[in-house]
């Protein structure tokens, strides 16, 4: 009985360490701080933070998932950035800002075009 309790405690400790490591390593490298103004008429500013150096790609998608605007696709370093984008040519409606960092898609933010 005593061996089972010790084994159980060791198993729980290993599981806790694994979960802690997994949660830390799953943190998204790109975080949207703000998109202003919302709703957007023509030009908006997105403020975002990057946690590590890498290739960063921002795109606007329509409701069907089609890319309607490529905002930028460039290598960036750790830090906080602001980028302006113009959606004047888009029809009124709902769109999504999709962020790709390296080869993974991390964040999708809803954008309302007025």
N, C-alpha and C. Protein backbone atom coordinates (compact mmCIF):
# COMPACT_ATOMS: atom_id res chain seq x y z
N UNK A 1 0.82 -1.21 0.00
CA UNK A 1 0.00 0.00 0.00
C UNK A 1 0.86 1.26 0.00
N UNK A 2 1.95 1.27 0.79
CA UNK A 2 2.82 2.42 0.88
C UNK A 2 3.51 2.68 -0.47
N UNK A 3 3.90 1.60 -1.20
CA UNK A 3 4.53 1.75 -2.51
C UNK A 3 3.58 2.42 -3.49
N UNK A 4 2.33 2.07 -3.44
CA UNK A 4 1.34 2.67 -4.35
C UNK A 4 1.19 4.16 -4.10
N UNK A 5 1.21 4.59 -2.83
CA UNK A 5 1.10 6.02 -2.52
C UNK A 5 2.30 6.78 -3.04
N UNK A 6 3.51 6.22 -2.85
CA UNK A 6 4.72 6.87 -3.34
C UNK A 6 4.69 6.96 -4.87
N UNK A 7 4.34 5.86 -5.51
CA UNK A 7 4.25 5.84 -6.97
C UNK A 7 3.23 6.86 -7.46
N UNK A 8 2.11 6.94 -6.77
CA UNK A 8 1.05 7.89 -7.13
C UNK A 8 1.55 9.33 -7.01
N UNK A 9 2.28 9.66 -5.93
CA UNK A 9 2.82 11.01 -5.74
C UNK A 9 3.85 11.35 -6.82
N UNK A 10 4.72 10.41 -7.15
CA UNK A 10 5.72 10.63 -8.19
C UNK A 10 5.04 10.87 -9.53
N UNK A 11 4.03 10.08 -9.84
CA UNK A 11 3.31 10.22 -11.10
C UNK A 11 2.63 11.59 -11.19
N UNK A 12 2.01 12.02 -10.12
CA UNK A 12 1.36 13.33 -10.10
C UNK A 12 2.38 14.45 -10.28
N UNK A 13 3.54 14.34 -9.62
CA UNK A 13 4.58 15.36 -9.75
C UNK A 13 5.12 15.43 -11.19
N UNK A 14 5.34 14.29 -11.80
CA UNK A 14 5.83 14.26 -13.19
C UNK A 14 4.78 14.86 -14.12
N UNK A 15 3.53 14.53 -13.90
CA UNK A 15 2.45 15.07 -14.71
C UNK A 15 2.35 16.59 -14.55
N UNK A 16 2.50 17.08 -13.34
CA UNK A 16 2.44 18.53 -13.08
C UNK A 16 3.58 19.24 -13.80
N UNK A 17 4.78 18.69 -13.75
CA UNK A 17 5.94 19.29 -14.43
C UNK A 17 5.71 19.30 -15.94
N UNK A 18 5.20 18.19 -16.47
CA UNK A 18 4.91 18.11 -17.91
C UNK A 18 3.89 19.15 -18.33
N UNK A 19 2.81 19.29 -17.58
CA UNK A 19 1.77 20.26 -17.92
C UNK A 19 2.29 21.69 -17.83
N UNK A 20 3.09 21.98 -16.83
CA UNK A 20 3.68 23.31 -16.69
C UNK A 20 4.56 23.62 -17.88
N UNK A 21 5.43 22.69 -18.27
CA UNK A 21 6.30 22.89 -19.43
C UNK A 21 5.47 23.05 -20.70
N UNK A 22 4.47 22.22 -20.88
CA UNK A 22 3.64 22.26 -22.08
C UNK A 22 2.92 23.59 -22.19
N UNK A 23 2.37 24.09 -21.11
CA UNK A 23 1.64 25.36 -21.15
C UNK A 23 2.56 26.53 -21.46
N UNK A 24 3.76 26.51 -20.90
CA UNK A 24 4.72 27.58 -21.17
C UNK A 24 5.15 27.54 -22.63
N UNK A 25 5.41 26.34 -23.16
CA UNK A 25 5.91 26.24 -24.53
C UNK A 25 4.82 26.47 -25.56
N UNK A 26 3.54 26.47 -25.17
CA UNK A 26 2.45 26.69 -26.11
C UNK A 26 2.06 28.16 -26.23
N UNK A 27 2.75 29.02 -25.54
CA UNK A 27 2.43 30.44 -25.59
C UNK A 27 2.59 30.95 -27.02
N UNK A 28 1.64 31.74 -27.48
CA UNK A 28 1.69 32.25 -28.84
C UNK A 28 2.78 33.30 -28.96
N UNK A 29 3.58 33.24 -30.04
CA UNK A 29 4.67 34.21 -30.18
C UNK A 29 4.20 35.60 -30.62
N UNK A 30 2.96 35.70 -31.12
CA UNK A 30 2.41 36.99 -31.55
C UNK A 30 1.13 37.27 -30.78
N UNK A 31 1.04 38.45 -30.21
CA UNK A 31 -0.16 38.84 -29.45
C UNK A 31 -0.68 40.17 -29.98
N UNK A 32 -1.97 40.20 -30.32
CA UNK A 32 -2.61 41.44 -30.74
C UNK A 32 -2.89 42.27 -29.49
N UNK A 33 -2.44 43.50 -29.47
CA UNK A 33 -2.72 44.40 -28.35
C UNK A 33 -3.98 45.19 -28.65
N UNK A 34 -4.07 45.74 -29.88
CA UNK A 34 -5.28 46.49 -30.24
C UNK A 34 -5.39 46.63 -31.75
N UNK A 35 -6.61 46.79 -32.20
CA UNK A 35 -6.91 47.19 -33.58
C UNK A 35 -7.81 48.41 -33.44
N UNK A 36 -7.37 49.54 -34.02
CA UNK A 36 -8.08 50.79 -33.81
C UNK A 36 -8.22 51.53 -35.12
N UNK A 37 -9.29 52.18 -35.43
CA UNK A 37 -10.58 52.16 -34.73
C UNK A 37 -11.36 50.89 -35.09
N UNK A 38 -12.39 50.64 -34.36
CA UNK A 38 -13.26 49.50 -34.64
C UNK A 38 -14.68 49.97 -34.43
N UNK A 39 -15.58 49.95 -35.35
CA UNK A 39 -15.40 49.43 -36.71
C UNK A 39 -14.50 50.34 -37.54
N UNK A 40 -13.96 49.77 -38.63
CA UNK A 40 -13.02 50.47 -39.50
C UNK A 40 -13.77 51.04 -40.71
N UNK A 41 -13.46 52.28 -41.05
CA UNK A 41 -14.01 52.85 -42.28
C UNK A 41 -13.03 52.67 -43.43
N UNK A 42 -11.81 53.12 -43.25
CA UNK A 42 -10.80 53.04 -44.31
C UNK A 42 -9.47 52.49 -43.79
N UNK A 43 -8.87 53.24 -42.87
CA UNK A 43 -7.53 52.90 -42.39
C UNK A 43 -7.59 52.53 -40.92
N UNK A 44 -6.87 51.47 -40.56
CA UNK A 44 -6.80 51.03 -39.17
C UNK A 44 -5.34 50.82 -38.78
N UNK A 45 -5.11 50.80 -37.50
CA UNK A 45 -3.78 50.52 -36.95
C UNK A 45 -3.87 49.30 -36.05
N UNK A 46 -3.01 48.34 -36.31
CA UNK A 46 -2.93 47.17 -35.44
C UNK A 46 -1.64 47.30 -34.63
N UNK A 47 -1.77 47.14 -33.32
CA UNK A 47 -0.62 47.14 -32.41
C UNK A 47 -0.46 45.71 -31.93
N UNK A 48 0.75 45.19 -32.02
CA UNK A 48 0.98 43.79 -31.67
C UNK A 48 2.37 43.62 -31.07
N UNK A 49 2.54 42.50 -30.40
CA UNK A 49 3.79 42.19 -29.73
C UNK A 49 4.30 40.84 -30.23
N UNK A 50 5.60 40.76 -30.46
CA UNK A 50 6.23 39.52 -30.89
C UNK A 50 7.20 39.08 -29.80
N UNK A 51 7.11 37.83 -29.40
CA UNK A 51 7.93 37.31 -28.31
C UNK A 51 9.28 36.76 -28.72
N UNK A 52 9.50 36.58 -30.05
CA UNK A 52 10.77 36.04 -30.53
C UNK A 52 10.95 36.42 -32.00
N UNK A 53 12.16 36.37 -32.48
CA UNK A 53 12.44 36.70 -33.88
C UNK A 53 11.84 35.64 -34.80
N UNK A 54 11.27 36.09 -35.93
CA UNK A 54 10.75 35.14 -36.90
C UNK A 54 10.01 35.83 -38.03
N UNK A 55 9.61 35.02 -39.01
CA UNK A 55 8.83 35.53 -40.14
C UNK A 55 7.39 35.73 -39.71
N UNK A 56 6.86 36.92 -39.96
CA UNK A 56 5.52 37.29 -39.53
C UNK A 56 4.71 37.72 -40.74
N UNK A 57 3.49 37.21 -40.86
CA UNK A 57 2.64 37.45 -42.01
C UNK A 57 1.24 37.82 -41.51
N UNK A 58 0.75 39.02 -41.88
CA UNK A 58 -0.59 39.46 -41.51
C UNK A 58 -1.44 39.54 -42.77
N UNK A 59 -2.63 38.93 -42.72
CA UNK A 59 -3.53 38.93 -43.86
C UNK A 59 -4.95 39.22 -43.40
N UNK A 60 -5.75 39.85 -44.30
CA UNK A 60 -7.17 40.04 -44.05
C UNK A 60 -7.90 39.00 -44.89
N UNK A 61 -8.81 38.27 -44.24
CA UNK A 61 -9.60 37.23 -44.91
C UNK A 61 -11.06 37.61 -44.91
N UNK A 62 -11.78 37.18 -45.96
CA UNK A 62 -13.23 37.36 -45.96
C UNK A 62 -13.87 36.18 -45.21
N UNK A 63 -15.19 36.16 -45.16
CA UNK A 63 -15.89 35.11 -44.40
C UNK A 63 -15.70 33.72 -44.99
N UNK A 64 -15.32 33.65 -46.26
CA UNK A 64 -15.09 32.34 -46.89
C UNK A 64 -13.65 31.87 -46.71
N UNK A 65 -12.82 32.71 -46.08
CA UNK A 65 -11.42 32.34 -45.83
C UNK A 65 -10.48 32.75 -46.95
N UNK A 66 -10.98 33.53 -47.91
CA UNK A 66 -10.13 34.02 -49.00
C UNK A 66 -9.31 35.22 -48.54
N UNK A 67 -8.05 35.27 -48.97
CA UNK A 67 -7.20 36.41 -48.64
C UNK A 67 -7.63 37.58 -49.51
N UNK A 68 -8.05 38.69 -48.88
CA UNK A 68 -8.46 39.88 -49.61
C UNK A 68 -7.44 41.00 -49.49
N UNK A 69 -6.52 40.88 -48.53
CA UNK A 69 -5.48 41.89 -48.37
C UNK A 69 -4.28 41.27 -47.66
N UNK A 70 -3.11 41.46 -48.23
CA UNK A 70 -1.85 41.08 -47.59
C UNK A 70 -1.30 42.33 -46.93
N UNK A 71 -1.30 42.40 -45.60
CA UNK A 71 -0.82 43.60 -44.91
C UNK A 71 0.70 43.67 -44.96
N UNK A 72 1.36 42.60 -44.53
CA UNK A 72 2.81 42.51 -44.66
C UNK A 72 3.24 41.06 -44.44
N UNK A 73 4.44 40.77 -44.91
CA UNK A 73 5.06 39.46 -44.72
C UNK A 73 6.55 39.71 -44.63
N UNK A 74 7.07 39.75 -43.40
CA UNK A 74 8.48 40.11 -43.23
C UNK A 74 9.05 39.51 -41.95
N UNK A 75 10.36 39.47 -41.88
CA UNK A 75 11.05 39.00 -40.68
C UNK A 75 11.03 40.14 -39.66
N UNK A 76 10.65 39.79 -38.44
CA UNK A 76 10.62 40.79 -37.38
C UNK A 76 11.29 40.24 -36.13
N UNK A 77 11.69 41.16 -35.28
CA UNK A 77 12.40 40.80 -34.05
C UNK A 77 11.48 41.00 -32.85
N UNK A 78 11.89 40.47 -31.73
CA UNK A 78 11.11 40.60 -30.50
C UNK A 78 10.84 42.07 -30.22
N UNK A 79 9.58 42.39 -29.88
CA UNK A 79 9.23 43.77 -29.58
C UNK A 79 7.78 44.06 -29.85
N UNK A 80 7.40 45.31 -29.71
CA UNK A 80 6.04 45.77 -29.95
C UNK A 80 6.05 46.65 -31.20
N UNK A 81 5.06 46.43 -32.06
CA UNK A 81 4.99 47.10 -33.36
C UNK A 81 3.60 47.68 -33.60
N UNK A 82 3.55 48.63 -34.54
CA UNK A 82 2.28 49.16 -35.05
C UNK A 82 2.36 49.15 -36.57
N UNK A 83 1.28 48.70 -37.20
CA UNK A 83 1.18 48.71 -38.66
C UNK A 83 -0.18 49.28 -39.04
N UNK A 84 -0.19 50.13 -40.04
CA UNK A 84 -1.45 50.64 -40.57
C UNK A 84 -1.82 49.83 -41.81
N UNK A 85 -3.12 49.66 -42.02
CA UNK A 85 -3.58 49.01 -43.23
C UNK A 85 -4.86 49.69 -43.71
N UNK A 86 -5.05 49.65 -45.02
CA UNK A 86 -6.16 50.34 -45.65
C UNK A 86 -7.13 49.30 -46.23
N UNK A 87 -8.38 49.33 -45.77
CA UNK A 87 -9.40 48.41 -46.30
C UNK A 87 -10.51 49.18 -47.00
N UNK A 88 -10.17 50.36 -47.50
CA UNK A 88 -11.13 51.22 -48.18
C UNK A 88 -11.80 50.51 -49.34
N UNK A 89 -11.06 49.67 -50.06
CA UNK A 89 -11.59 48.99 -51.24
C UNK A 89 -12.52 47.82 -50.92
N UNK A 90 -12.58 47.41 -49.65
CA UNK A 90 -13.43 46.27 -49.27
C UNK A 90 -14.87 46.72 -49.02
N UNK A 91 -15.79 45.80 -49.28
CA UNK A 91 -17.20 46.08 -49.00
C UNK A 91 -17.46 46.07 -47.50
N UNK A 92 -18.54 46.73 -47.10
CA UNK A 92 -18.96 46.71 -45.70
C UNK A 92 -19.21 45.27 -45.28
N UNK A 93 -18.74 44.90 -44.08
CA UNK A 93 -18.97 43.54 -43.60
C UNK A 93 -17.95 43.11 -42.56
N UNK A 94 -17.90 41.81 -42.34
CA UNK A 94 -17.02 41.22 -41.34
C UNK A 94 -15.86 40.53 -42.05
N UNK A 95 -14.67 40.76 -41.52
CA UNK A 95 -13.45 40.16 -42.05
C UNK A 95 -12.64 39.65 -40.85
N UNK A 96 -11.55 38.96 -41.16
CA UNK A 96 -10.69 38.44 -40.10
C UNK A 96 -9.24 38.79 -40.39
N UNK A 97 -8.53 39.17 -39.34
CA UNK A 97 -7.09 39.37 -39.42
C UNK A 97 -6.45 38.05 -39.01
N UNK A 98 -5.68 37.46 -39.94
CA UNK A 98 -5.01 36.19 -39.65
C UNK A 98 -3.51 36.46 -39.55
N UNK A 99 -2.91 35.90 -38.52
CA UNK A 99 -1.48 36.08 -38.28
C UNK A 99 -0.79 34.73 -38.41
N UNK A 100 0.22 34.73 -39.25
CA UNK A 100 1.06 33.54 -39.39
C UNK A 100 2.44 33.90 -38.88
N UNK A 101 2.97 33.08 -37.98
CA UNK A 101 4.33 33.26 -37.48
C UNK A 101 5.10 32.01 -37.81
N UNK A 102 6.19 32.18 -38.58
CA UNK A 102 6.91 31.06 -39.16
C UNK A 102 5.90 30.24 -39.98
N UNK A 103 5.69 28.98 -39.70
CA UNK A 103 4.78 28.18 -40.53
C UNK A 103 3.45 27.90 -39.83
N UNK A 104 3.22 28.51 -38.68
CA UNK A 104 2.00 28.24 -37.91
C UNK A 104 1.07 29.45 -37.90
N UNK A 105 -0.23 29.19 -37.97
CA UNK A 105 -1.23 30.25 -37.83
C UNK A 105 -1.60 30.33 -36.36
N UNK A 106 -1.53 31.52 -35.79
CA UNK A 106 -1.74 31.66 -34.36
C UNK A 106 -2.97 32.44 -33.96
N UNK A 107 -3.24 33.53 -34.59
CA UNK A 107 -4.28 34.42 -34.09
C UNK A 107 -5.21 34.81 -35.21
N UNK A 108 -6.49 34.84 -34.93
CA UNK A 108 -7.47 35.37 -35.86
C UNK A 108 -8.34 36.36 -35.09
N UNK A 109 -8.37 37.59 -35.56
CA UNK A 109 -9.15 38.65 -34.92
C UNK A 109 -10.26 39.10 -35.87
N UNK A 110 -11.45 39.32 -35.35
CA UNK A 110 -12.56 39.79 -36.16
C UNK A 110 -12.43 41.29 -36.41
N UNK A 111 -12.65 41.68 -37.67
CA UNK A 111 -12.60 43.08 -38.08
C UNK A 111 -13.95 43.43 -38.71
N UNK A 112 -14.48 44.57 -38.33
CA UNK A 112 -15.75 45.02 -38.90
C UNK A 112 -15.48 46.23 -39.77
N UNK A 113 -15.82 46.12 -41.06
CA UNK A 113 -15.68 47.22 -42.02
C UNK A 113 -17.01 47.94 -42.10
N UNK A 114 -16.97 49.25 -41.86
CA UNK A 114 -18.20 50.05 -41.85
C UNK A 114 -18.42 50.73 -43.19
